Amino acid sequence: MAETIDDITITYMEDGVEVTKELEKEVLTKGAWTTIMYRYQDWDRQKNEYGPEKYSIRRYQKRYGEYKQKSKFNISSKDQAKQIISILEKWTKD
């Protein structure tokens, strides 16, 4: 497990293949409960290439000096991300 926020990643290796490739991460909140948003791609074994970009928001709790994932929400496509952005822009209008 990660000891610092910088160590937290969603990159995942399986049988020598990076099956989840982290492209970017943004820390939304820091502290005992940390929220991070990721942009990533999954490896498509059938096509032997990375698939389309996906997005994930994940919450981590720091206990006993280590961050452990407690929850996540995956945004599966750019279209879904755009819908979420549109709704949030509408809701947060001043």
N, C-alpha and C. Protein backbone atom coordinates (compact mmCIF):
# COMPACT_ATOMS: atom_id res chain seq x y z
N MET A 1 0.84 -1.19 0.00
CA MET A 1 0.00 0.00 0.00
C MET A 1 0.88 1.24 0.00
N ALA A 2 0.28 2.36 -0.36
CA ALA A 2 0.99 3.62 -0.48
C ALA A 2 1.10 4.32 0.86
N GLU A 3 2.26 4.91 1.10
CA GLU A 3 2.47 5.66 2.33
C GLU A 3 2.25 7.16 2.13
N THR A 4 2.40 7.64 0.88
CA THR A 4 2.17 9.06 0.57
C THR A 4 1.19 9.16 -0.60
N ILE A 5 0.60 10.33 -0.76
CA ILE A 5 -0.33 10.55 -1.88
C ILE A 5 0.38 10.34 -3.21
N ASP A 6 1.64 10.76 -3.30
CA ASP A 6 2.40 10.59 -4.55
C ASP A 6 2.58 9.12 -4.92
N ASP A 7 2.56 8.24 -3.94
CA ASP A 7 2.73 6.81 -4.19
C ASP A 7 1.45 6.12 -4.67
N ILE A 8 0.31 6.78 -4.49
CA ILE A 8 -0.97 6.17 -4.87
C ILE A 8 -1.09 6.16 -6.40
N THR A 9 -1.46 5.03 -6.96
CA THR A 9 -1.62 4.90 -8.41
C THR A 9 -2.69 3.84 -8.71
N ILE A 10 -3.25 3.91 -9.91
CA ILE A 10 -4.14 2.84 -10.34
C ILE A 10 -3.46 1.95 -11.37
N THR A 11 -2.21 2.24 -11.68
CA THR A 11 -1.46 1.38 -12.58
C THR A 11 -1.47 -0.04 -12.01
N TYR A 12 -1.76 -1.00 -12.89
CA TYR A 12 -1.86 -2.39 -12.44
C TYR A 12 -1.17 -3.30 -13.45
N MET A 13 -0.27 -4.13 -12.94
CA MET A 13 0.46 -5.07 -13.77
C MET A 13 -0.05 -6.48 -13.52
N GLU A 14 -0.15 -7.26 -14.61
CA GLU A 14 -0.57 -8.65 -14.50
C GLU A 14 0.22 -9.45 -15.53
N ASP A 15 0.95 -10.45 -15.08
CA ASP A 15 1.76 -11.29 -15.96
C ASP A 15 2.70 -10.45 -16.83
N GLY A 16 3.29 -9.41 -16.25
CA GLY A 16 4.24 -8.57 -16.97
C GLY A 16 3.62 -7.57 -17.92
N VAL A 17 2.28 -7.47 -17.93
CA VAL A 17 1.57 -6.54 -18.81
C VAL A 17 0.90 -5.47 -17.96
N GLU A 18 1.07 -4.22 -18.37
CA GLU A 18 0.41 -3.12 -17.68
C GLU A 18 -1.05 -3.09 -18.15
N VAL A 19 -1.93 -3.75 -17.41
CA VAL A 19 -3.33 -3.89 -17.84
C VAL A 19 -4.16 -2.65 -17.53
N THR A 20 -3.75 -1.86 -16.55
CA THR A 20 -4.36 -0.55 -16.31
C THR A 20 -3.24 0.47 -16.32
N LYS A 21 -3.29 1.37 -17.30
CA LYS A 21 -2.23 2.37 -17.47
C LYS A 21 -2.76 3.73 -17.05
N GLU A 22 -2.18 4.28 -15.98
CA GLU A 22 -2.55 5.60 -15.51
C GLU A 22 -1.95 6.65 -16.44
N LEU A 23 -2.81 7.53 -16.96
CA LEU A 23 -2.35 8.60 -17.84
C LEU A 23 -2.14 9.91 -17.08
N GLU A 24 -3.05 10.20 -16.15
CA GLU A 24 -2.95 11.41 -15.33
C GLU A 24 -3.69 11.19 -14.03
N LYS A 25 -3.32 11.98 -13.02
CA LYS A 25 -4.08 11.97 -11.78
C LYS A 25 -4.11 13.38 -11.22
N GLU A 26 -5.23 13.70 -10.59
CA GLU A 26 -5.41 14.99 -9.94
C GLU A 26 -5.91 14.72 -8.52
N VAL A 27 -5.24 15.28 -7.56
CA VAL A 27 -5.65 15.13 -6.17
C VAL A 27 -6.71 16.20 -5.89
N LEU A 28 -7.91 15.75 -5.51
CA LEU A 28 -9.01 16.67 -5.24
C LEU A 28 -9.03 17.11 -3.78
N THR A 29 -8.75 16.19 -2.87
CA THR A 29 -8.66 16.53 -1.45
C THR A 29 -7.52 15.73 -0.83
N LYS A 30 -6.93 16.32 0.21
CA LYS A 30 -5.84 15.67 0.94
C LYS A 30 -6.23 15.55 2.40
N GLY A 31 -5.59 14.64 3.08
CA GLY A 31 -5.83 14.46 4.50
C GLY A 31 -6.02 13.00 4.83
N ALA A 32 -6.66 12.76 5.98
CA ALA A 32 -6.92 11.37 6.39
C ALA A 32 -7.79 10.67 5.36
N TRP A 33 -8.69 11.44 4.74
CA TRP A 33 -9.50 10.94 3.61
C TRP A 33 -9.06 11.74 2.38
N THR A 34 -8.54 11.04 1.39
CA THR A 34 -8.02 11.66 0.18
C THR A 34 -8.86 11.23 -1.02
N THR A 35 -9.15 12.19 -1.89
CA THR A 35 -9.92 11.91 -3.11
C THR A 35 -9.03 12.22 -4.31
N ILE A 36 -8.94 11.27 -5.23
CA ILE A 36 -8.10 11.42 -6.43
C ILE A 36 -8.92 11.06 -7.66
N MET A 37 -8.76 11.86 -8.71
CA MET A 37 -9.40 11.57 -10.00
C MET A 37 -8.30 11.15 -10.98
N TYR A 38 -8.58 10.06 -11.71
CA TYR A 38 -7.62 9.50 -12.65
C TYR A 38 -8.17 9.50 -14.08
N ARG A 39 -7.24 9.63 -15.02
CA ARG A 39 -7.50 9.35 -16.44
C ARG A 39 -6.63 8.14 -16.76
N TYR A 40 -7.24 7.10 -17.36
CA TYR A 40 -6.50 5.86 -17.56
C TYR A 40 -7.01 5.10 -18.78
N GLN A 41 -6.28 4.03 -19.12
CA GLN A 41 -6.68 3.13 -20.20
C GLN A 41 -6.47 1.70 -19.73
N ASP A 42 -7.34 0.81 -20.19
CA ASP A 42 -7.20 -0.62 -19.92
C ASP A 42 -6.65 -1.32 -21.16
N TRP A 43 -5.84 -2.34 -20.93
CA TRP A 43 -5.27 -3.15 -22.00
C TRP A 43 -6.34 -4.09 -22.55
N ASP A 44 -6.50 -4.09 -23.87
CA ASP A 44 -7.43 -4.98 -24.54
C ASP A 44 -6.61 -6.16 -25.09
N ARG A 45 -6.75 -7.30 -24.45
CA ARG A 45 -5.95 -8.46 -24.84
C ARG A 45 -6.29 -8.97 -26.24
N GLN A 46 -7.55 -8.84 -26.63
CA GLN A 46 -7.95 -9.33 -27.96
C GLN A 46 -7.34 -8.48 -29.07
N LYS A 47 -7.33 -7.17 -28.88
CA LYS A 47 -6.79 -6.26 -29.91
C LYS A 47 -5.30 -6.01 -29.73
N ASN A 48 -4.77 -6.43 -28.57
CA ASN A 48 -3.35 -6.22 -28.26
C ASN A 48 -2.98 -4.73 -28.28
N GLU A 49 -3.87 -3.92 -27.69
CA GLU A 49 -3.63 -2.48 -27.61
C GLU A 49 -4.49 -1.90 -26.47
N TYR A 50 -4.19 -0.67 -26.11
CA TYR A 50 -4.98 -0.03 -25.07
C TYR A 50 -6.30 0.46 -25.64
N GLY A 51 -7.33 0.37 -24.83
CA GLY A 51 -8.66 0.81 -25.22
C GLY A 51 -8.82 2.31 -25.03
N PRO A 52 -10.06 2.78 -25.13
CA PRO A 52 -10.33 4.22 -25.01
C PRO A 52 -10.06 4.72 -23.58
N GLU A 53 -9.89 6.02 -23.47
CA GLU A 53 -9.68 6.63 -22.16
C GLU A 53 -10.90 6.43 -21.27
N LYS A 54 -10.62 6.22 -20.01
CA LYS A 54 -11.66 6.12 -18.99
C LYS A 54 -11.24 7.03 -17.83
N TYR A 55 -12.15 7.22 -16.90
CA TYR A 55 -11.90 8.12 -15.78
C TYR A 55 -12.41 7.46 -14.51
N SER A 56 -11.77 7.78 -13.39
CA SER A 56 -12.18 7.19 -12.12
C SER A 56 -11.94 8.19 -11.00
N ILE A 57 -12.88 8.23 -10.06
CA ILE A 57 -12.73 9.02 -8.85
C ILE A 57 -12.66 8.03 -7.70
N ARG A 58 -11.60 8.13 -6.91
CA ARG A 58 -11.38 7.15 -5.85
C ARG A 58 -11.08 7.84 -4.53
N ARG A 59 -11.60 7.23 -3.46
CA ARG A 59 -11.40 7.75 -2.10
C ARG A 59 -10.50 6.78 -1.34
N TYR A 60 -9.55 7.36 -0.63
CA TYR A 60 -8.59 6.58 0.15
C TYR A 60 -8.61 7.07 1.59
N GLN A 61 -8.44 6.15 2.50
CA GLN A 61 -8.33 6.49 3.91
C GLN A 61 -6.93 6.13 4.39
N LYS A 62 -6.31 7.07 5.11
CA LYS A 62 -4.99 6.78 5.66
C LYS A 62 -5.16 6.26 7.08
N ARG A 63 -4.70 5.04 7.29
CA ARG A 63 -4.74 4.42 8.61
C ARG A 63 -3.42 3.68 8.82
N TYR A 64 -2.89 3.85 10.00
CA TYR A 64 -1.64 3.19 10.35
C TYR A 64 -0.52 3.49 9.35
N GLY A 65 -0.52 4.73 8.83
CA GLY A 65 0.55 5.18 7.94
C GLY A 65 0.42 4.77 6.49
N GLU A 66 -0.69 4.13 6.11
CA GLU A 66 -0.87 3.69 4.72
C GLU A 66 -2.24 4.10 4.20
N TYR A 67 -2.28 4.46 2.91
CA TYR A 67 -3.55 4.78 2.24
C TYR A 67 -4.16 3.49 1.70
N LYS A 68 -5.43 3.30 1.99
CA LYS A 68 -6.16 2.15 1.46
C LYS A 68 -7.41 2.64 0.75
N GLN A 69 -7.66 2.10 -0.43
CA GLN A 69 -8.84 2.50 -1.20
C GLN A 69 -10.10 2.06 -0.46
N LYS A 70 -11.05 2.98 -0.36
CA LYS A 70 -12.31 2.70 0.32
C LYS A 70 -13.50 2.71 -0.63
N SER A 71 -13.43 3.50 -1.70
CA SER A 71 -14.53 3.53 -2.66
C SER A 71 -14.02 4.06 -3.99
N LYS A 72 -14.82 3.79 -5.03
CA LYS A 72 -14.46 4.30 -6.36
C LYS A 72 -15.72 4.46 -7.20
N PHE A 73 -15.62 5.36 -8.16
CA PHE A 73 -16.66 5.54 -9.17
C PHE A 73 -15.95 5.63 -10.51
N ASN A 74 -16.26 4.73 -11.41
CA ASN A 74 -15.65 4.72 -12.74
C ASN A 74 -16.57 5.38 -13.75
N ILE A 75 -15.99 6.25 -14.56
CA ILE A 75 -16.69 6.89 -15.66
C ILE A 75 -16.18 6.20 -16.91
N SER A 76 -17.07 5.50 -17.60
CA SER A 76 -16.64 4.54 -18.61
C SER A 76 -16.39 5.10 -20.01
N SER A 77 -16.74 6.37 -20.24
CA SER A 77 -16.53 6.90 -21.59
C SER A 77 -16.47 8.43 -21.56
N LYS A 78 -15.97 9.01 -22.64
CA LYS A 78 -15.94 10.46 -22.76
C LYS A 78 -17.35 11.03 -22.76
N ASP A 79 -18.28 10.32 -23.40
CA ASP A 79 -19.67 10.80 -23.43
C ASP A 79 -20.26 10.89 -22.02
N GLN A 80 -20.04 9.88 -21.22
CA GLN A 80 -20.54 9.91 -19.85
C GLN A 80 -19.87 11.03 -19.06
N ALA A 81 -18.58 11.23 -19.26
CA ALA A 81 -17.86 12.31 -18.59
C ALA A 81 -18.45 13.67 -18.97
N LYS A 82 -18.74 13.85 -20.24
CA LYS A 82 -19.33 15.12 -20.70
C LYS A 82 -20.71 15.35 -20.10
N GLN A 83 -21.50 14.29 -19.94
CA GLN A 83 -22.81 14.41 -19.30
C GLN A 83 -22.66 14.86 -17.85
N ILE A 84 -21.72 14.26 -17.15
CA ILE A 84 -21.48 14.61 -15.75
C ILE A 84 -21.03 16.07 -15.65
N ILE A 85 -20.13 16.48 -16.52
CA ILE A 85 -19.66 17.87 -16.53
C ILE A 85 -20.82 18.82 -16.77
N SER A 86 -21.65 18.51 -17.74
CA SER A 86 -22.79 19.36 -18.07
C SER A 86 -23.73 19.53 -16.87
N ILE A 87 -24.03 18.44 -16.21
CA ILE A 87 -24.94 18.49 -15.05
C ILE A 87 -24.30 19.28 -13.92
N LEU A 88 -23.02 19.04 -13.63
CA LEU A 88 -22.36 19.77 -12.57
C LEU A 88 -22.27 21.27 -12.87
N GLU A 89 -22.03 21.62 -14.13
CA GLU A 89 -22.00 23.04 -14.51
C GLU A 89 -23.36 23.68 -14.28
N LYS A 90 -24.42 22.97 -14.61
CA LYS A 90 -25.78 23.48 -14.40
C LYS A 90 -26.06 23.65 -12.90
N TRP A 91 -25.71 22.67 -12.12
CA TRP A 91 -25.97 22.70 -10.68
C TRP A 91 -25.16 23.75 -9.93
N THR A 92 -23.97 24.06 -10.44
CA THR A 92 -23.08 24.97 -9.72
C THR A 92 -23.09 26.38 -10.28
N LYS A 93 -23.99 26.66 -11.19
CA LYS A 93 -24.10 28.00 -11.75
C LYS A 93 -24.42 28.99 -10.66
N ASP A 94 -23.78 30.13 -10.70
CA ASP A 94 -24.09 31.18 -9.70
C ASP A 94 -25.25 32.05 -10.13
